[in-house]
Amino acid sequence: MCVLARGDRALPKLQTIFLVTSLAIALTVVALTFLLPDVILNATSEDRLVENAQFLFYILAASLQLYISGRLIRGERMRGVFHILLFCLFFFVAMEEISWGQRLFGWRTPSFLWKLNYQREMNIHNIWYGMYSPSNVLLIIFTGVYCFIIPIANHASPRTRELLRRFRLPVLGIDLVSIFFIANLFHAAPMNWAGGIFTVIAISLPITLLLSGRASSFFDRCERPLLQAFSILLVGIFTLAIWLHEPAYDVWVQNVAFESREVLMALGFFAFSIITVRCGLSDVTQQNGPAGF
């Protein structure tokens, strides 16, 4: 992310493309859940389209983070280290999605993992599988802090923005936060009453986006905050419709919600990595602030 010169619309357009892409994926999943449930169940099954897309987005994001860290590690060591950590995270998640190549190469699951792993596979994220498994709790904490709290605080508070700039922490742009809200709407809403409350709160994000900071132009006509608001409200409404429609809900909870969230989050991190490179590796903490675009 970076500060753009007046008239340079390349980066806003790129961010909007990723947001529209995530919206298109979300609405396609919702439509298939209602109209062609067998198709979406097949697409979200093990080693099928959605899981392979997750691996692809995460491995591409990891590769870009490694490239970024290599470019920065000598001149801006602290930022370079943060990008190395992101590379490790994205690479780990990518390999976890394919169980570290277990099915591809026919490796046997080690005995200690066989006892602990819910699916008897060679991965960590299925150990003590469930809502409160260690991997799920860590995912919730990381997503909440890194994908929501930090970028929104960076966008809304000059003091926070200055603090993040000092620490050289790579920060998601406020535009990309919408992708992660859409992703988590998919998983949270139909699971339990707490998920329903989260959905209502998440749908209020457009109000935050419309009231925080000044709008940025897209093609000099359409304001991106309005597009963000429309995207989140639309997905939120349709997700609640799934929650209330029993046949669609029965399909939704058969791994469709979880895998759909994962592919949208992978797309969000890939977008973040692409935009960081596209921005010339400039100071990411300046994004969308008073001096930003």
Protein backbone atom coordinates (compact mmCIF):
# COMPACT_ATOMS: atom_id res chain seq x y z
CA MET A 1 0.00 0.00 0.00
CA CYS A 2 1.22 3.46 -0.64
CA VAL A 3 0.45 7.11 -1.07
CA LEU A 4 -0.63 7.75 -4.65
CA ALA A 5 -0.01 10.81 -6.70
CA ARG A 6 -3.10 12.74 -7.82
CA GLY A 7 -4.54 11.20 -10.97
CA ASP A 8 -2.93 7.79 -10.44
CA ARG A 9 -5.89 5.42 -10.29
CA ALA A 10 -4.06 2.12 -10.87
CA LEU A 11 -3.98 1.03 -7.22
CA PRO A 12 -7.60 1.96 -6.36
CA LYS A 13 -8.71 0.07 -9.47
CA LEU A 14 -6.65 -2.96 -8.43
CA GLN A 15 -8.16 -2.94 -4.96
CA THR A 16 -11.64 -2.63 -6.42
CA ILE A 17 -10.98 -5.54 -8.78
CA PHE A 18 -10.13 -7.77 -5.82
CA LEU A 19 -13.20 -6.62 -3.90
CA VAL A 20 -15.48 -7.26 -6.89
CA THR A 21 -13.83 -10.66 -7.41
CA SER A 22 -14.47 -11.64 -3.79
CA LEU A 23 -18.09 -10.46 -4.11
CA ALA A 24 -18.53 -12.51 -7.31
CA ILE A 25 -17.13 -15.64 -5.59
CA ALA A 26 -19.36 -15.09 -2.55
CA LEU A 27 -22.53 -14.64 -4.60
CA THR A 28 -21.68 -17.65 -6.77
CA VAL A 29 -21.31 -19.83 -3.67
CA VAL A 30 -24.60 -18.53 -2.26
CA ALA A 31 -26.43 -19.10 -5.56
CA LEU A 32 -25.11 -22.64 -5.90
CA THR A 33 -26.09 -23.38 -2.30
CA PHE A 34 -29.71 -22.60 -3.15
CA LEU A 35 -29.89 -23.77 -6.77
CA LEU A 36 -27.28 -26.52 -7.24
CA PRO A 37 -26.34 -27.90 -3.82
CA ASP A 38 -24.67 -31.02 -5.23
CA VAL A 39 -22.34 -28.87 -7.32
CA ILE A 40 -21.19 -26.71 -4.40
CA LEU A 41 -20.79 -29.74 -2.13
CA ASN A 42 -18.58 -31.36 -4.74
CA ALA A 43 -16.54 -28.16 -5.26
CA THR A 44 -15.85 -27.79 -1.52
CA SER A 45 -14.94 -31.44 -0.95
CA GLU A 46 -11.40 -32.59 -0.12
CA ASP A 47 -8.88 -31.94 -2.92
CA ARG A 48 -11.46 -30.30 -5.15
CA LEU A 49 -11.77 -26.84 -6.70
CA VAL A 50 -12.16 -24.66 -3.61
CA GLU A 51 -9.40 -26.31 -1.57
CA ASN A 52 -7.01 -26.24 -4.53
CA ALA A 53 -7.80 -22.53 -4.98
CA GLN A 54 -6.92 -21.97 -1.33
CA PHE A 55 -3.56 -23.64 -1.82
CA LEU A 56 -2.88 -21.64 -4.99
CA PHE A 57 -3.72 -18.25 -3.42
CA TYR A 58 -1.71 -18.97 -0.27
CA ILE A 59 1.36 -20.28 -2.10
CA LEU A 60 1.31 -17.27 -4.42
CA ALA A 61 0.94 -14.93 -1.43
CA ALA A 62 3.83 -16.71 0.30
CA SER A 63 6.03 -16.39 -2.78
CA LEU A 64 5.32 -12.67 -3.02
CA GLN A 65 6.02 -12.16 0.69
CA LEU A 66 9.37 -13.93 0.27
CA TYR A 67 10.18 -11.65 -2.67
CA ILE A 68 9.20 -8.56 -0.65
CA SER A 69 11.30 -9.61 2.35
CA GLY A 70 14.29 -10.24 0.09
CA ARG A 71 13.99 -6.72 -1.30
CA LEU A 72 13.63 -5.10 2.13
CA ILE A 73 15.75 -7.13 4.54
CA ARG A 74 18.94 -5.12 4.01
CA GLY A 75 17.55 -1.60 3.79
CA GLU A 76 14.52 -1.96 6.10
CA ARG A 77 15.32 -4.93 8.31
CA MET A 78 12.31 -4.67 10.62
CA ARG A 79 9.80 -4.57 7.77
CA GLY A 80 11.71 -7.35 6.05
CA VAL A 81 11.41 -9.54 9.15
CA PHE A 82 7.65 -8.97 9.32
CA HIS A 83 7.30 -10.02 5.69
CA ILE A 84 9.38 -13.15 6.37
CA LEU A 85 6.95 -14.01 9.16
CA LEU A 86 4.04 -13.54 6.77
CA PHE A 87 5.80 -15.78 4.25
CA CYS A 88 6.15 -18.48 6.91
CA LEU A 89 2.48 -18.15 7.86
CA PHE A 90 1.14 -18.27 4.30
CA PHE A 91 3.46 -21.13 3.30
CA PHE A 92 2.45 -23.12 6.39
CA VAL A 93 -1.27 -22.64 5.68
CA ALA A 94 -0.80 -23.56 2.00
CA MET A 95 0.96 -26.80 2.89
CA GLU A 96 -1.58 -27.58 5.60
CA GLU A 97 -4.34 -27.32 2.98
CA ILE A 98 -2.78 -30.20 1.01
CA SER A 99 -1.62 -32.06 4.17
CA TRP A 100 1.98 -31.39 3.18
CA GLY A 101 1.58 -33.40 -0.02
CA GLN A 102 0.46 -36.53 1.80
CA ARG A 103 -2.17 -37.61 -0.71
CA LEU A 104 -0.04 -36.50 -3.64
CA PHE A 105 2.96 -38.58 -2.61
CA GLY A 106 1.15 -41.29 -0.65
CA TRP A 107 2.88 -40.61 2.70
CA ARG A 108 1.56 -42.37 5.79
CA THR A 109 0.38 -40.35 8.77
CA PRO A 110 2.85 -40.60 11.71
CA SER A 111 1.44 -42.57 14.62
CA PHE A 112 1.33 -39.61 17.05
CA LEU A 113 -0.70 -37.57 14.53
CA TRP A 114 -2.94 -40.53 13.78
CA LYS A 115 -4.09 -40.50 17.40
CA LEU A 116 -4.63 -36.74 17.60
CA ASN A 117 -5.78 -35.78 14.11
CA TYR A 118 -9.52 -35.69 13.50
CA GLN A 119 -9.14 -36.78 9.85
CA ARG A 120 -6.10 -39.04 10.44
CA GLU A 121 -4.06 -36.79 8.15
CA MET A 122 -0.58 -35.28 8.31
CA ASN A 123 -1.55 -31.75 9.31
CA ILE A 124 -1.87 -29.62 12.42
CA HIS A 125 -5.14 -27.78 11.86
CA ASN A 126 -7.27 -30.91 12.30
CA ILE A 127 -5.83 -31.77 15.71
CA TRP A 128 -8.55 -31.60 18.38
CA TYR A 129 -10.95 -30.54 15.66
CA GLY A 130 -13.81 -28.22 16.64
CA MET A 131 -14.81 -24.65 17.37
CA TYR A 132 -12.37 -24.33 20.26
CA SER A 133 -9.46 -26.31 18.85
CA PRO A 134 -6.07 -24.55 19.25
CA SER A 135 -5.74 -23.89 15.51
CA ASN A 136 -9.24 -22.41 15.29
CA VAL A 137 -8.71 -20.18 18.34
CA LEU A 138 -5.41 -18.91 16.92
CA LEU A 139 -7.10 -18.26 13.57
CA ILE A 140 -9.87 -16.26 15.25
CA ILE A 141 -7.37 -14.20 17.27
CA PHE A 142 -5.09 -13.54 14.28
CA THR A 143 -7.97 -12.63 11.97
CA GLY A 144 -9.59 -10.38 14.56
CA VAL A 145 -6.40 -8.49 15.38
CA TYR A 146 -4.50 -8.39 12.08
CA CYS A 147 -7.36 -8.30 9.57
CA PHE A 148 -9.81 -6.06 11.44
CA ILE A 149 -8.59 -4.19 14.52
CA ILE A 150 -5.18 -3.05 13.23
CA PRO A 151 -6.24 -1.85 9.75
CA ILE A 152 -9.37 -0.09 11.02
CA ALA A 153 -7.38 1.60 13.80
CA ASN A 154 -4.68 2.52 11.28
CA HIS A 155 -7.31 4.03 9.02
CA ALA A 156 -9.17 5.95 11.73
CA SER A 157 -6.46 7.10 14.15
CA PRO A 158 -3.42 9.23 13.17
CA ARG A 159 -1.78 8.30 16.49
CA THR A 160 -2.13 4.58 15.77
CA ARG A 161 -0.88 5.11 12.22
CA GLU A 162 2.24 6.82 13.54
CA LEU A 163 2.84 4.00 16.04
CA LEU A 164 2.51 1.33 13.34
CA ARG A 165 4.85 3.30 11.11
CA ARG A 166 7.49 3.25 13.83
CA PHE A 167 7.20 -0.51 14.22
CA ARG A 168 7.24 -0.95 10.42
CA LEU A 169 4.33 -3.39 10.59
CA PRO A 170 2.74 -4.28 7.22
CA VAL A 171 -0.91 -3.25 7.46
CA LEU A 172 -3.91 -4.28 5.38
CA GLY A 173 -5.66 -1.47 3.54
CA ILE A 174 -9.18 -0.59 4.64
CA ASP A 175 -10.49 -1.75 1.25
CA LEU A 176 -9.20 -5.27 1.81
CA VAL A 177 -10.79 -5.45 5.26
CA SER A 178 -14.11 -5.81 3.44
CA ILE A 179 -12.95 -9.08 1.86
CA PHE A 180 -12.23 -10.55 5.29
CA PHE A 181 -15.59 -9.36 6.62
CA ILE A 182 -17.33 -11.07 3.70
CA ALA A 183 -15.30 -14.22 4.33
CA ASN A 184 -16.18 -14.36 8.01
CA LEU A 185 -19.84 -13.63 7.37
CA PHE A 186 -19.88 -16.91 5.46
CA HIS A 187 -18.63 -18.97 8.37
CA ALA A 188 -20.02 -17.18 11.41
CA ALA A 189 -23.66 -16.60 10.55
CA PRO A 190 -25.12 -20.11 10.32
CA MET A 191 -23.16 -21.81 13.08
CA ASN A 192 -24.88 -20.66 16.30
CA TRP A 193 -26.61 -17.73 18.00
CA ALA A 194 -23.23 -16.04 18.59
CA GLY A 195 -22.61 -16.23 14.86
CA GLY A 196 -25.92 -14.51 14.25
CA ILE A 197 -24.95 -11.65 16.57
CA PHE A 198 -21.59 -11.38 14.79
CA THR A 199 -23.43 -11.14 11.47
CA VAL A 200 -25.53 -8.22 12.67
CA ILE A 201 -22.42 -6.46 13.98
CA ALA A 202 -20.47 -7.14 10.79
CA ILE A 203 -23.23 -5.72 8.61
CA SER A 204 -22.73 -2.45 10.50
CA LEU A 205 -19.20 -2.21 9.05
CA PRO A 206 -20.43 -0.23 6.01
CA ILE A 207 -21.51 2.54 8.38
CA THR A 208 -17.97 2.59 9.81
CA LEU A 209 -16.49 2.70 6.33
CA LEU A 210 -18.76 5.50 5.19
CA LEU A 211 -18.09 7.64 8.26
CA SER A 212 -14.34 7.04 8.65
CA GLY A 213 -11.93 9.10 6.58
CA ARG A 214 -12.72 10.63 3.25
CA ALA A 215 -14.00 8.74 0.26
CA SER A 216 -11.72 7.62 -2.53
CA SER A 217 -12.83 7.83 -6.12
CA PHE A 218 -13.12 4.88 -8.47
CA PHE A 219 -13.14 5.96 -12.10
CA ASP A 220 -13.89 9.43 -10.65
CA ARG A 221 -17.53 8.46 -10.09
CA CYS A 222 -18.14 5.49 -7.82
CA GLU A 223 -16.86 5.77 -4.26
CA ARG A 224 -15.19 2.60 -3.02
CA PRO A 225 -16.73 2.87 0.48
CA LEU A 226 -20.14 2.64 -1.22
CA LEU A 227 -19.02 -0.51 -3.05
CA GLN A 228 -17.74 -1.95 0.22
CA ALA A 229 -21.04 -1.19 1.93
CA PHE A 230 -23.04 -2.76 -0.89
CA SER A 231 -20.86 -5.89 -0.93
CA ILE A 232 -21.04 -6.56 2.80
CA LEU A 233 -24.76 -5.82 3.10
CA LEU A 234 -25.59 -8.04 0.12
CA VAL A 235 -23.55 -11.01 1.35
CA GLY A 236 -24.79 -10.50 4.91
CA ILE A 237 -28.43 -10.56 3.81
CA PHE A 238 -27.99 -13.67 1.66
CA THR A 239 -26.06 -15.43 4.42
CA LEU A 240 -28.89 -14.75 6.85
CA ALA A 241 -31.30 -16.12 4.21
CA ILE A 242 -29.30 -19.36 4.21
CA TRP A 243 -29.49 -19.42 8.00
CA LEU A 244 -33.30 -19.21 7.84
CA HIS A 245 -33.82 -21.60 4.89
CA GLU A 246 -33.44 -25.14 6.21
CA PRO A 247 -32.50 -26.98 2.97
CA ALA A 248 -29.80 -24.41 2.15
CA TYR A 249 -28.62 -24.42 5.76
CA ASP A 250 -28.21 -28.20 5.68
CA VAL A 251 -25.92 -27.82 2.65
CA TRP A 252 -24.12 -24.82 4.15
CA VAL A 253 -22.94 -26.61 7.27
CA GLN A 254 -21.49 -29.53 5.27
CA ASN A 255 -18.12 -27.80 4.98
CA VAL A 256 -19.36 -25.28 2.40
CA ALA A 257 -19.30 -22.31 4.80
CA PHE A 258 -15.86 -23.13 6.18
CA GLU A 259 -14.15 -23.80 2.85
CA SER A 260 -15.76 -20.72 1.26
CA ARG A 261 -14.44 -18.55 4.08
CA GLU A 262 -10.98 -20.03 3.66
CA VAL A 263 -10.78 -19.37 -0.08
CA LEU A 264 -11.92 -15.75 0.37
CA MET A 265 -9.35 -15.18 3.13
CA ALA A 266 -6.66 -16.68 0.89
CA LEU A 267 -7.74 -14.29 -1.87
CA GLY A 268 -7.53 -11.39 0.59
CA PHE A 269 -3.95 -12.23 1.57
CA PHE A 270 -2.99 -12.73 -2.07
CA ALA A 271 -4.48 -9.31 -2.85
CA PHE A 272 -2.52 -7.76 0.03
CA SER A 273 0.72 -9.27 -1.30
CA ILE A 274 0.06 -8.20 -4.90
CA ILE A 275 -0.79 -4.64 -3.87
CA THR A 276 2.31 -4.36 -1.67
CA VAL A 277 4.50 -5.30 -4.65
CA ARG A 278 2.50 -3.06 -7.00
CA CYS A 279 3.04 -0.15 -4.63
CA GLY A 280 6.81 -0.38 -4.98
CA LEU A 281 7.26 -1.73 -1.44
CA SER A 282 6.63 1.70 0.06
CA ASP A 283 5.53 2.33 3.65
CA VAL A 284 2.36 0.29 4.06
CA THR A 285 1.29 2.08 7.24
CA GLN A 286 0.48 5.23 5.27
CA GLN A 287 -2.41 3.64 3.42
CA ASN A 288 -5.80 5.34 3.45
CA GLY A 289 -4.78 7.90 6.06
CA PRO A 290 -5.30 11.64 5.75
CA ALA A 291 -2.32 11.85 3.40
CA GLY A 292 -3.32 8.73 1.51
CA PHE A 293 -5.58 8.13 -1.42
